[in-house]
Amino acid sequence: MNATDLDASLTTLMNSHRILVLGPSGSGKTTLARQLGQLLNLETIHLDALFWKVGWISTPQEEWRSVVSNAVAKPAWVMDGTYESTLHLRIPAAEALVMLERSRLACLWRVCKRKLTIDDDNRPDAPPGQPVDWAFVRYIWRYDQVSQPQVDEAVRQYAADKPIITLKSQRDVHALVRRLETAVAAGGKPARKGQ
């Protein structure tokens, strides 16, 4: 990401009240959303925490749409999670999109590393005991062929007038977060939570 793109991305984030972070499982969505929420003083909404019930039981689709509708109705947030079935609700509500692009191997590595190094029982972004089974590995492996086209179509359909920040590497993510930390330290946190 060059300096001009970085400055434009910084301006977008500082002026947005509803930011949607999208990307494959293991791409770093949750970590980035948490960082953005803290730096921009926005509520962080982790869709995994809302969708998955204890024992990693999924929320039925009708109930899920209602849960997501209630979440996007809030005036200010950073929301992470792809969940293709509700992109039509989330993208129109967002003021800015952050798209993480990672290779399948990088995503699989991050998921395995997370499973081995994070206390699974104390994750604020998901219930304990996330299975790393073949279905999950297959989802990550096939994301580019199956899920990404759905995301791209939803972005084309619902985000034509919205700023989109694409981060293609961990270096891009770190550069953006460092620049945002510097800007917030210089000007203070935006007073937005609870709006």
N, C-alpha and C. Protein backbone atom coordinates (compact mmCIF):
# COMPACT_ATOMS: atom_id res chain seq x y z
N MET A 1 0.86 -1.18 0.00
CA MET A 1 0.00 0.00 0.00
C MET A 1 0.90 1.23 0.00
N ASN A 2 0.72 2.10 -0.97
CA ASN A 2 1.56 3.28 -1.05
C ASN A 2 1.04 4.37 -0.10
N ALA A 3 1.83 5.43 0.05
CA ALA A 3 1.50 6.49 1.01
C ALA A 3 0.18 7.18 0.68
N THR A 4 -0.11 7.38 -0.59
CA THR A 4 -1.36 8.04 -0.98
C THR A 4 -2.56 7.17 -0.60
N ASP A 5 -2.47 5.87 -0.89
CA ASP A 5 -3.55 4.95 -0.52
C ASP A 5 -3.71 4.89 1.00
N LEU A 6 -2.59 4.91 1.69
CA LEU A 6 -2.62 4.86 3.15
C LEU A 6 -3.30 6.09 3.72
N ASP A 7 -2.97 7.27 3.20
CA ASP A 7 -3.61 8.50 3.66
C ASP A 7 -5.11 8.51 3.37
N ALA A 8 -5.49 8.06 2.18
CA ALA A 8 -6.91 8.00 1.82
C ALA A 8 -7.65 7.02 2.73
N SER A 9 -7.02 5.88 3.01
CA SER A 9 -7.63 4.88 3.89
C SER A 9 -7.79 5.43 5.30
N LEU A 10 -6.79 6.13 5.77
CA LEU A 10 -6.85 6.73 7.10
C LEU A 10 -7.99 7.72 7.19
N THR A 11 -8.12 8.59 6.21
CA THR A 11 -9.21 9.57 6.19
C THR A 11 -10.56 8.88 6.18
N THR A 12 -10.70 7.85 5.36
CA THR A 12 -11.95 7.09 5.30
C THR A 12 -12.31 6.53 6.67
N LEU A 13 -11.36 5.88 7.31
CA LEU A 13 -11.64 5.25 8.60
C LEU A 13 -11.97 6.28 9.67
N MET A 14 -11.24 7.38 9.70
CA MET A 14 -11.47 8.40 10.72
C MET A 14 -12.85 9.05 10.56
N ASN A 15 -13.40 9.03 9.35
CA ASN A 15 -14.69 9.67 9.09
C ASN A 15 -15.86 8.70 9.01
N SER A 16 -15.62 7.44 9.26
CA SER A 16 -16.68 6.43 9.14
C SER A 16 -17.18 6.01 10.52
N HIS A 17 -18.48 5.81 10.61
CA HIS A 17 -19.10 5.35 11.86
C HIS A 17 -19.49 3.87 11.80
N ARG A 18 -19.57 3.33 10.59
CA ARG A 18 -19.93 1.92 10.43
C ARG A 18 -18.97 1.30 9.40
N ILE A 19 -18.09 0.43 9.90
CA ILE A 19 -17.02 -0.15 9.09
C ILE A 19 -17.20 -1.66 9.06
N LEU A 20 -17.21 -2.23 7.87
CA LEU A 20 -17.38 -3.67 7.70
C LEU A 20 -16.05 -4.27 7.24
N VAL A 21 -15.58 -5.29 7.97
CA VAL A 21 -14.32 -5.96 7.65
C VAL A 21 -14.65 -7.34 7.08
N LEU A 22 -14.22 -7.59 5.84
CA LEU A 22 -14.52 -8.84 5.14
C LEU A 22 -13.23 -9.54 4.73
N GLY A 23 -13.30 -10.86 4.62
CA GLY A 23 -12.17 -11.66 4.16
C GLY A 23 -12.36 -13.10 4.57
N PRO A 24 -11.49 -13.97 4.09
CA PRO A 24 -11.62 -15.39 4.42
C PRO A 24 -11.35 -15.68 5.90
N SER A 25 -11.82 -16.82 6.36
CA SER A 25 -11.50 -17.26 7.72
C SER A 25 -9.99 -17.35 7.85
N GLY A 26 -9.47 -16.82 8.96
CA GLY A 26 -8.04 -16.84 9.18
C GLY A 26 -7.28 -15.69 8.55
N SER A 27 -7.99 -14.73 7.96
CA SER A 27 -7.31 -13.62 7.30
C SER A 27 -6.93 -12.50 8.26
N GLY A 28 -7.47 -12.52 9.47
CA GLY A 28 -7.16 -11.47 10.45
C GLY A 28 -8.28 -10.47 10.65
N LYS A 29 -9.50 -10.81 10.22
CA LYS A 29 -10.64 -9.89 10.34
C LYS A 29 -10.90 -9.50 11.79
N THR A 30 -10.93 -10.49 12.67
CA THR A 30 -11.27 -10.23 14.07
C THR A 30 -10.23 -9.35 14.74
N THR A 31 -8.97 -9.65 14.51
CA THR A 31 -7.90 -8.84 15.10
C THR A 31 -7.97 -7.40 14.60
N LEU A 32 -8.12 -7.23 13.29
CA LEU A 32 -8.19 -5.88 12.73
C LEU A 32 -9.43 -5.15 13.23
N ALA A 33 -10.57 -5.82 13.27
CA ALA A 33 -11.80 -5.17 13.75
C ALA A 33 -11.64 -4.71 15.19
N ARG A 34 -11.03 -5.54 16.01
CA ARG A 34 -10.81 -5.17 17.41
C ARG A 34 -9.89 -3.94 17.50
N GLN A 35 -8.82 -3.93 16.70
CA GLN A 35 -7.91 -2.78 16.70
C GLN A 35 -8.62 -1.51 16.23
N LEU A 36 -9.38 -1.61 15.15
CA LEU A 36 -10.11 -0.44 14.64
C LEU A 36 -11.12 0.04 15.67
N GLY A 37 -11.83 -0.88 16.29
CA GLY A 37 -12.82 -0.49 17.31
C GLY A 37 -12.18 0.27 18.45
N GLN A 38 -11.04 -0.22 18.93
CA GLN A 38 -10.36 0.45 20.04
C GLN A 38 -9.85 1.82 19.62
N LEU A 39 -9.20 1.89 18.47
CA LEU A 39 -8.61 3.15 18.02
C LEU A 39 -9.65 4.19 17.65
N LEU A 40 -10.75 3.76 17.07
CA LEU A 40 -11.77 4.70 16.60
C LEU A 40 -12.92 4.86 17.59
N ASN A 41 -12.82 4.18 18.71
CA ASN A 41 -13.85 4.25 19.76
C ASN A 41 -15.22 3.84 19.21
N LEU A 42 -15.22 2.72 18.49
CA LEU A 42 -16.44 2.16 17.92
C LEU A 42 -16.70 0.79 18.54
N GLU A 43 -17.96 0.45 18.73
CA GLU A 43 -18.31 -0.89 19.19
C GLU A 43 -17.84 -1.90 18.15
N THR A 44 -17.22 -2.98 18.63
CA THR A 44 -16.80 -4.05 17.74
C THR A 44 -17.82 -5.17 17.81
N ILE A 45 -18.37 -5.54 16.66
CA ILE A 45 -19.36 -6.60 16.58
C ILE A 45 -18.73 -7.77 15.83
N HIS A 46 -18.54 -8.88 16.54
CA HIS A 46 -17.97 -10.09 15.95
C HIS A 46 -19.13 -11.00 15.55
N LEU A 47 -19.34 -11.19 14.26
CA LEU A 47 -20.47 -12.00 13.82
C LEU A 47 -20.36 -13.45 14.26
N ASP A 48 -19.15 -13.98 14.39
CA ASP A 48 -19.02 -15.35 14.90
C ASP A 48 -19.64 -15.49 16.28
N ALA A 49 -19.47 -14.47 17.12
CA ALA A 49 -20.03 -14.52 18.47
C ALA A 49 -21.55 -14.50 18.45
N LEU A 50 -22.13 -13.90 17.42
CA LEU A 50 -23.59 -13.84 17.31
C LEU A 50 -24.17 -15.06 16.59
N PHE A 51 -23.44 -15.60 15.63
CA PHE A 51 -23.96 -16.70 14.81
C PHE A 51 -23.84 -18.06 15.49
N TRP A 52 -22.68 -18.30 16.13
CA TRP A 52 -22.42 -19.62 16.71
C TRP A 52 -22.85 -19.67 18.16
N LYS A 53 -23.63 -20.68 18.48
CA LYS A 53 -24.05 -20.91 19.86
C LYS A 53 -23.07 -21.90 20.50
N VAL A 54 -23.15 -22.06 21.81
CA VAL A 54 -22.27 -23.00 22.51
C VAL A 54 -22.33 -24.35 21.82
N GLY A 55 -21.17 -24.96 21.65
CA GLY A 55 -21.08 -26.23 20.94
C GLY A 55 -20.98 -26.04 19.44
N TRP A 56 -20.81 -24.82 19.01
CA TRP A 56 -20.70 -24.45 17.60
C TRP A 56 -21.91 -24.92 16.81
N ILE A 57 -23.08 -24.61 17.38
CA ILE A 57 -24.36 -24.83 16.72
C ILE A 57 -24.72 -23.52 16.03
N SER A 58 -25.06 -23.59 14.75
CA SER A 58 -25.36 -22.37 14.00
C SER A 58 -26.76 -21.85 14.31
N THR A 59 -26.92 -20.55 14.14
CA THR A 59 -28.21 -19.89 14.32
C THR A 59 -29.05 -20.15 13.06
N PRO A 60 -30.33 -20.52 13.22
CA PRO A 60 -31.19 -20.71 12.05
C PRO A 60 -31.26 -19.42 11.21
N GLN A 61 -31.38 -19.56 9.89
CA GLN A 61 -31.28 -18.43 8.97
C GLN A 61 -32.28 -17.30 9.25
N GLU A 62 -33.52 -17.63 9.53
CA GLU A 62 -34.51 -16.57 9.78
C GLU A 62 -34.12 -15.76 11.02
N GLU A 63 -33.74 -16.46 12.07
CA GLU A 63 -33.29 -15.79 13.30
C GLU A 63 -32.01 -15.00 13.02
N TRP A 64 -31.11 -15.57 12.22
CA TRP A 64 -29.84 -14.93 11.90
C TRP A 64 -30.05 -13.59 11.19
N ARG A 65 -30.96 -13.55 10.24
CA ARG A 65 -31.25 -12.29 9.55
C ARG A 65 -31.75 -11.23 10.53
N SER A 66 -32.55 -11.64 11.49
CA SER A 66 -33.05 -10.70 12.50
C SER A 66 -31.91 -10.20 13.39
N VAL A 67 -31.03 -11.10 13.79
CA VAL A 67 -29.88 -10.72 14.63
C VAL A 67 -29.00 -9.71 13.88
N VAL A 68 -28.73 -9.98 12.62
CA VAL A 68 -27.88 -9.08 11.83
C VAL A 68 -28.58 -7.75 11.60
N SER A 69 -29.87 -7.78 11.32
CA SER A 69 -30.63 -6.53 11.13
C SER A 69 -30.54 -5.65 12.37
N ASN A 70 -30.66 -6.24 13.54
CA ASN A 70 -30.55 -5.48 14.79
C ASN A 70 -29.14 -4.93 14.97
N ALA A 71 -28.13 -5.71 14.62
CA ALA A 71 -26.75 -5.25 14.77
C ALA A 71 -26.44 -4.08 13.84
N VAL A 72 -26.86 -4.17 12.58
CA VAL A 72 -26.53 -3.09 11.64
C VAL A 72 -27.34 -1.83 11.90
N ALA A 73 -28.43 -1.95 12.66
CA ALA A 73 -29.25 -0.77 12.97
C ALA A 73 -28.57 0.15 13.98
N LYS A 74 -27.54 -0.35 14.65
CA LYS A 74 -26.82 0.49 15.60
C LYS A 74 -26.12 1.62 14.84
N PRO A 75 -25.97 2.78 15.49
CA PRO A 75 -25.43 3.94 14.76
C PRO A 75 -23.93 3.90 14.48
N ALA A 76 -23.18 3.12 15.24
CA ALA A 76 -21.72 3.13 15.06
C ALA A 76 -21.15 1.77 15.42
N TRP A 77 -20.30 1.24 14.53
CA TRP A 77 -19.71 -0.08 14.78
C TRP A 77 -18.58 -0.37 13.80
N VAL A 78 -17.77 -1.36 14.21
CA VAL A 78 -16.87 -2.08 13.32
C VAL A 78 -17.36 -3.52 13.39
N MET A 79 -17.67 -4.11 12.25
CA MET A 79 -18.23 -5.46 12.21
C MET A 79 -17.33 -6.35 11.39
N ASP A 80 -16.99 -7.52 11.95
CA ASP A 80 -16.19 -8.46 11.18
C ASP A 80 -16.94 -9.76 10.97
N GLY A 81 -16.72 -10.33 9.80
CA GLY A 81 -17.35 -11.59 9.44
C GLY A 81 -17.88 -11.51 8.02
N THR A 82 -17.68 -12.56 7.27
CA THR A 82 -18.11 -12.53 5.88
C THR A 82 -19.57 -12.93 5.75
N TYR A 83 -19.97 -14.10 6.19
CA TYR A 83 -21.37 -14.54 6.19
C TYR A 83 -22.13 -14.03 4.97
N GLU A 84 -21.89 -14.68 3.85
CA GLU A 84 -22.43 -14.25 2.56
C GLU A 84 -23.94 -14.04 2.57
N SER A 85 -24.66 -14.82 3.37
CA SER A 85 -26.13 -14.75 3.35
C SER A 85 -26.69 -13.43 3.87
N THR A 86 -25.86 -12.63 4.54
CA THR A 86 -26.36 -11.35 5.07
C THR A 86 -25.59 -10.14 4.53
N LEU A 87 -24.81 -10.33 3.51
CA LEU A 87 -24.09 -9.19 2.92
C LEU A 87 -25.06 -8.13 2.43
N HIS A 88 -26.22 -8.54 1.95
CA HIS A 88 -27.22 -7.58 1.44
C HIS A 88 -27.78 -6.69 2.55
N LEU A 89 -27.62 -7.09 3.81
CA LEU A 89 -28.03 -6.27 4.95
C LEU A 89 -26.88 -5.40 5.44
N ARG A 90 -25.68 -5.94 5.43
CA ARG A 90 -24.54 -5.28 6.06
C ARG A 90 -23.85 -4.27 5.16
N ILE A 91 -23.66 -4.60 3.90
CA ILE A 91 -22.95 -3.67 3.01
C ILE A 91 -23.70 -2.34 2.87
N PRO A 92 -25.02 -2.34 2.63
CA PRO A 92 -25.71 -1.05 2.53
C PRO A 92 -25.63 -0.22 3.81
N ALA A 93 -25.56 -0.88 4.96
CA ALA A 93 -25.51 -0.16 6.24
C ALA A 93 -24.12 0.40 6.54
N ALA A 94 -23.09 -0.20 5.95
CA ALA A 94 -21.72 0.23 6.21
C ALA A 94 -21.40 1.53 5.48
N GLU A 95 -20.53 2.32 6.08
CA GLU A 95 -20.03 3.53 5.44
C GLU A 95 -18.71 3.28 4.72
N ALA A 96 -18.00 2.24 5.16
CA ALA A 96 -16.72 1.87 4.54
C ALA A 96 -16.53 0.37 4.67
N LEU A 97 -15.83 -0.21 3.71
CA LEU A 97 -15.51 -1.63 3.72
C LEU A 97 -14.01 -1.80 3.76
N VAL A 98 -13.55 -2.75 4.55
CA VAL A 98 -12.15 -3.15 4.56
C VAL A 98 -12.12 -4.60 4.09
N MET A 99 -11.42 -4.84 3.00
CA MET A 99 -11.33 -6.18 2.41
C MET A 99 -9.92 -6.73 2.64
N LEU A 100 -9.86 -7.87 3.31
CA LEU A 100 -8.57 -8.53 3.53
C LEU A 100 -8.39 -9.62 2.49
N GLU A 101 -7.28 -9.58 1.80
CA GLU A 101 -6.95 -10.61 0.82
C GLU A 101 -5.75 -11.39 1.32
N ARG A 102 -5.92 -12.69 1.48
CA ARG A 102 -4.85 -13.56 1.96
C ARG A 102 -4.87 -14.86 1.16
N SER A 103 -3.73 -15.49 1.06
CA SER A 103 -3.66 -16.79 0.38
C SER A 103 -4.30 -17.86 1.26
N ARG A 104 -4.71 -18.93 0.62
CA ARG A 104 -5.30 -20.06 1.37
C ARG A 104 -4.34 -20.59 2.41
N LEU A 105 -3.07 -20.72 2.03
CA LEU A 105 -2.09 -21.26 2.97
C LEU A 105 -1.91 -20.34 4.17
N ALA A 106 -1.86 -19.04 3.91
CA ALA A 106 -1.72 -18.09 5.02
C ALA A 106 -2.92 -18.18 5.96
N CYS A 107 -4.12 -18.31 5.41
CA CYS A 107 -5.32 -18.41 6.25
C CYS A 107 -5.33 -19.70 7.05
N LEU A 108 -4.98 -20.81 6.41
CA LEU A 108 -4.92 -22.09 7.13
C LEU A 108 -3.87 -22.03 8.24
N TRP A 109 -2.73 -21.42 7.95
CA TRP A 109 -1.68 -21.29 8.96
C TRP A 109 -2.19 -20.49 10.16
N ARG A 110 -2.86 -19.37 9.89
CA ARG A 110 -3.36 -18.53 10.98
C ARG A 110 -4.41 -19.26 11.82
N VAL A 111 -5.29 -20.02 11.17
CA VAL A 111 -6.31 -20.78 11.90
C VAL A 111 -5.66 -21.82 12.80
N CYS A 112 -4.69 -22.55 12.27
CA CYS A 112 -3.99 -23.57 13.07
C CYS A 112 -3.22 -22.92 14.21
N LYS A 113 -2.55 -21.82 13.92
CA LYS A 113 -1.79 -21.10 14.96
C LYS A 113 -2.73 -20.61 16.05
N ARG A 114 -3.88 -20.05 15.65
CA ARG A 114 -4.87 -19.57 16.62
C ARG A 114 -5.34 -20.72 17.51
N LYS A 115 -5.60 -21.85 16.91
CA LYS A 115 -6.10 -23.00 17.66
C LYS A 115 -5.07 -23.46 18.68
N LEU A 116 -3.79 -23.39 18.32
CA LEU A 116 -2.73 -23.87 19.20
C LEU A 116 -2.30 -22.86 20.26
N THR A 117 -2.49 -21.57 20.01
CA THR A 117 -1.91 -20.56 20.90
C THR A 117 -2.91 -19.74 21.69
N ILE A 118 -4.18 -19.75 21.32
CA ILE A 118 -5.16 -18.90 22.00
C ILE A 118 -5.99 -19.73 22.96
N ASP A 119 -6.25 -19.19 24.13
CA ASP A 119 -7.12 -19.85 25.10
C ASP A 119 -8.53 -19.88 24.53
N ASP A 120 -8.90 -21.01 24.00
CA ASP A 120 -10.17 -21.17 23.29
C ASP A 120 -11.39 -20.88 24.16
N ASP A 121 -11.25 -21.04 25.47
CA ASP A 121 -12.39 -20.84 26.37
C ASP A 121 -12.64 -19.38 26.70
N ASN A 122 -11.73 -18.50 26.36
CA ASN A 122 -11.86 -17.09 26.73
C ASN A 122 -11.83 -16.15 25.53
N ARG A 123 -12.25 -16.62 24.37
CA ARG A 123 -12.29 -15.75 23.19
C ARG A 123 -13.54 -14.89 23.24
N PRO A 124 -13.40 -13.57 23.15
CA PRO A 124 -14.58 -12.70 23.16
C PRO A 124 -15.33 -12.71 21.83
N ASP A 125 -14.69 -13.23 20.80
CA ASP A 125 -15.25 -13.15 19.45
C ASP A 125 -15.96 -14.41 18.99
N ALA A 126 -15.99 -15.45 19.82
CA ALA A 126 -16.64 -16.70 19.41
C ALA A 126 -16.79 -17.61 20.63
N PRO A 127 -17.72 -18.56 20.57
CA PRO A 127 -17.85 -19.49 21.68
C PRO A 127 -16.64 -20.42 21.76
N PRO A 128 -16.43 -21.06 22.89
CA PRO A 128 -15.28 -21.95 23.03
C PRO A 128 -15.42 -23.21 22.17
N GLY A 129 -14.28 -23.81 21.87
CA GLY A 129 -14.27 -25.11 21.22
C GLY A 129 -14.47 -25.11 19.73
N GLN A 130 -14.00 -24.08 19.03
CA GLN A 130 -14.17 -24.07 17.58
C GLN A 130 -13.49 -25.28 16.96
N PRO A 131 -14.26 -26.09 16.22
CA PRO A 131 -13.63 -27.24 15.58
C PRO A 131 -12.84 -26.80 14.35
N VAL A 132 -11.66 -27.35 14.22
CA VAL A 132 -10.91 -27.18 12.98
C VAL A 132 -11.00 -28.54 12.29
N ASP A 133 -12.14 -28.74 11.63
CA ASP A 133 -12.41 -30.02 10.98
C ASP A 133 -12.27 -29.88 9.47
N TRP A 134 -12.50 -30.98 8.75
CA TRP A 134 -12.33 -30.95 7.30
C TRP A 134 -13.29 -30.00 6.62
N ALA A 135 -14.49 -29.86 7.16
CA ALA A 135 -15.45 -28.93 6.56
C ALA A 135 -14.92 -27.49 6.63
N PHE A 136 -14.33 -27.13 7.77
CA PHE A 136 -13.78 -25.79 7.94
C PHE A 136 -12.55 -25.59 7.04
N VAL A 137 -11.67 -26.58 7.01
CA VAL A 137 -10.49 -26.50 6.15
C VAL A 137 -10.92 -26.37 4.69
N ARG A 138 -11.91 -27.14 4.29
CA ARG A 138 -12.42 -27.09 2.91
C ARG A 138 -13.01 -25.71 2.60
N TYR A 139 -13.74 -25.14 3.57
CA TYR A 139 -14.31 -23.80 3.38
C TYR A 139 -13.18 -22.80 3.10
N ILE A 140 -12.14 -22.84 3.90
CA ILE A 140 -11.01 -21.92 3.71
C ILE A 140 -10.34 -22.17 2.36
N TRP A 141 -10.11 -23.44 2.05
CA TRP A 141 -9.40 -23.79 0.82
C TRP A 141 -10.18 -23.36 -0.42
N ARG A 142 -11.50 -23.42 -0.36
CA ARG A 142 -12.34 -23.10 -1.52
C ARG A 142 -12.90 -21.68 -1.48
N TYR A 143 -12.48 -20.86 -0.53
CA TYR A 143 -13.02 -19.51 -0.37
C TYR A 143 -12.92 -18.72 -1.68
N ASP A 144 -11.76 -18.74 -2.31
CA ASP A 144 -11.56 -17.97 -3.55
C ASP A 144 -12.51 -18.39 -4.66
N GLN A 145 -12.83 -19.67 -4.73
CA GLN A 145 -13.70 -20.16 -5.80
C GLN A 145 -15.18 -20.05 -5.46
N VAL A 146 -15.54 -20.21 -4.19
CA VAL A 146 -16.95 -20.28 -3.80
C VAL A 146 -17.45 -18.98 -3.16
N SER A 147 -16.78 -18.54 -2.12
CA SER A 147 -17.27 -17.39 -1.35
C SER A 147 -16.87 -16.04 -1.94
N GLN A 148 -15.63 -15.92 -2.39
CA GLN A 148 -15.16 -14.63 -2.89
C GLN A 148 -16.02 -14.10 -4.05
N PRO A 149 -16.44 -14.95 -5.00
CA PRO A 149 -17.32 -14.43 -6.06
C PRO A 149 -18.65 -13.88 -5.51
N GLN A 150 -19.17 -14.49 -4.45
CA GLN A 150 -20.40 -13.98 -3.83
C GLN A 150 -20.14 -12.63 -3.17
N VAL A 151 -19.01 -12.52 -2.50
CA VAL A 151 -18.64 -11.25 -1.86
C VAL A 151 -18.45 -10.18 -2.93
N ASP A 152 -17.73 -10.51 -3.99
CA ASP A 152 -17.48 -9.54 -5.06
C ASP A 152 -18.79 -9.05 -5.68
N GLU A 153 -19.72 -9.97 -5.91
CA GLU A 153 -21.02 -9.59 -6.49
C GLU A 153 -21.80 -8.68 -5.54
N ALA A 154 -21.80 -9.01 -4.25
CA ALA A 154 -22.50 -8.17 -3.27
C ALA A 154 -21.87 -6.79 -3.18
N VAL A 155 -20.55 -6.72 -3.25
CA VAL A 155 -19.86 -5.43 -3.22
C VAL A 155 -20.23 -4.62 -4.47
N ARG A 156 -20.24 -5.26 -5.62
CA ARG A 156 -20.64 -4.56 -6.85
C ARG A 156 -22.08 -4.04 -6.75
N GLN A 157 -22.93 -4.86 -6.18
CA GLN A 157 -24.35 -4.51 -6.12
C GLN A 157 -24.67 -3.45 -5.06
N TYR A 158 -24.01 -3.52 -3.89
CA TYR A 158 -24.42 -2.68 -2.76
C TYR A 158 -23.40 -1.63 -2.34
N ALA A 159 -22.20 -1.65 -2.90
CA ALA A 159 -21.16 -0.73 -2.41
C ALA A 159 -20.58 0.15 -3.50
N ALA A 160 -21.35 0.41 -4.54
CA ALA A 160 -20.82 1.20 -5.66
C ALA A 160 -20.35 2.58 -5.21
N ASP A 161 -21.00 3.16 -4.21
CA ASP A 161 -20.67 4.51 -3.77
C ASP A 161 -19.88 4.54 -2.46
N LYS A 162 -19.40 3.40 -2.02
CA LYS A 162 -18.72 3.34 -0.72
C LYS A 162 -17.20 3.19 -0.89
N PRO A 163 -16.44 3.79 0.00
CA PRO A 163 -14.99 3.57 -0.06
C PRO A 163 -14.66 2.14 0.36
N ILE A 164 -13.74 1.54 -0.39
CA ILE A 164 -13.30 0.17 -0.11
C ILE A 164 -11.79 0.20 0.07
N ILE A 165 -11.35 -0.26 1.22
CA ILE A 165 -9.93 -0.34 1.54
C ILE A 165 -9.53 -1.80 1.38
N THR A 166 -8.61 -2.08 0.47
CA THR A 166 -8.16 -3.45 0.24
C THR A 166 -6.76 -3.60 0.80
N LEU A 167 -6.61 -4.55 1.72
CA LEU A 167 -5.33 -4.82 2.36
C LEU A 167 -4.87 -6.19 1.88
N LYS A 168 -3.77 -6.21 1.13
CA LYS A 168 -3.34 -7.44 0.47
C LYS A 168 -2.27 -8.20 1.24
N SER A 169 -1.79 -7.65 2.32
CA SER A 169 -0.74 -8.33 3.08
C SER A 169 -0.81 -7.89 4.54
N GLN A 170 -0.12 -8.65 5.37
CA GLN A 170 -0.03 -8.28 6.78
C GLN A 170 0.73 -6.97 6.92
N ARG A 171 1.66 -6.73 6.02
CA ARG A 171 2.41 -5.46 6.02
C ARG A 171 1.45 -4.28 5.81
N ASP A 172 0.49 -4.43 4.89
CA ASP A 172 -0.52 -3.38 4.67
C ASP A 172 -1.33 -3.13 5.93
N VAL A 173 -1.74 -4.22 6.59
CA VAL A 173 -2.53 -4.10 7.82
C VAL A 173 -1.73 -3.36 8.88
N HIS A 174 -0.49 -3.78 9.09
CA HIS A 174 0.35 -3.13 10.11
C HIS A 174 0.58 -1.66 9.78
N ALA A 175 0.83 -1.34 8.52
CA ALA A 175 1.05 0.06 8.13
C ALA A 175 -0.18 0.90 8.42
N LEU A 176 -1.35 0.38 8.09
CA LEU A 176 -2.59 1.13 8.33
C LEU A 176 -2.84 1.32 9.82
N VAL A 177 -2.66 0.27 10.60
CA VAL A 177 -2.90 0.37 12.04
C VAL A 177 -1.90 1.32 12.68
N ARG A 178 -0.63 1.24 12.29
CA ARG A 178 0.37 2.17 12.84
C ARG A 178 0.02 3.61 12.51
N ARG A 179 -0.37 3.87 11.27
CA ARG A 179 -0.73 5.23 10.86
C ARG A 179 -1.95 5.71 11.63
N LEU A 180 -2.91 4.83 11.83
CA LEU A 180 -4.12 5.19 12.58
C LEU A 180 -3.78 5.46 14.05
N GLU A 181 -2.90 4.65 14.63
CA GLU A 181 -2.47 4.88 16.01
C GLU A 181 -1.83 6.26 16.14
N THR A 182 -0.98 6.62 15.20
CA THR A 182 -0.31 7.92 15.21
C THR A 182 -1.33 9.05 15.09
N ALA A 183 -2.28 8.90 14.19
CA ALA A 183 -3.30 9.95 13.98
C ALA A 183 -4.18 10.11 15.21
N VAL A 184 -4.57 9.00 15.81
CA VAL A 184 -5.42 9.07 17.00
C VAL A 184 -4.65 9.68 18.16
N ALA A 185 -3.37 9.30 18.31
CA ALA A 185 -2.56 9.86 19.40
C ALA A 185 -2.39 11.36 19.22
N ALA A 186 -2.27 11.81 18.00
CA ALA A 186 -2.08 13.24 17.74
C ALA A 186 -3.37 14.04 17.94
N GLY A 187 -4.50 13.42 17.61
CA GLY A 187 -5.76 14.17 17.68
C GLY A 187 -6.76 13.64 18.68
N GLY A 188 -6.40 12.62 19.40
CA GLY A 188 -7.33 12.04 20.35
C GLY A 188 -8.31 11.09 19.69
N LYS A 189 -8.93 10.25 20.50
CA LYS A 189 -9.92 9.30 20.00
C LYS A 189 -11.18 10.02 19.58
N PRO A 190 -11.75 9.62 18.47
CA PRO A 190 -13.06 10.16 18.13
C PRO A 190 -14.06 9.79 19.23
N ALA A 191 -14.87 10.73 19.65
CA ALA A 191 -15.87 10.48 20.70
C ALA A 191 -17.14 9.96 20.05
N ARG A 192 -17.20 8.63 19.83
CA ARG A 192 -18.31 8.09 19.07
C ARG A 192 -19.11 7.02 19.80
N LYS A 193 -18.52 6.26 20.67
CA LYS A 193 -19.25 5.15 21.27
C LYS A 193 -20.52 5.63 21.92
N GLY A 194 -21.56 4.85 21.77
CA GLY A 194 -22.83 5.18 22.39
C GLY A 194 -23.66 6.19 21.63
N GLN A 195 -23.26 6.51 20.41
CA GLN A 195 -24.05 7.47 19.63
C GLN A 195 -25.39 6.89 19.30
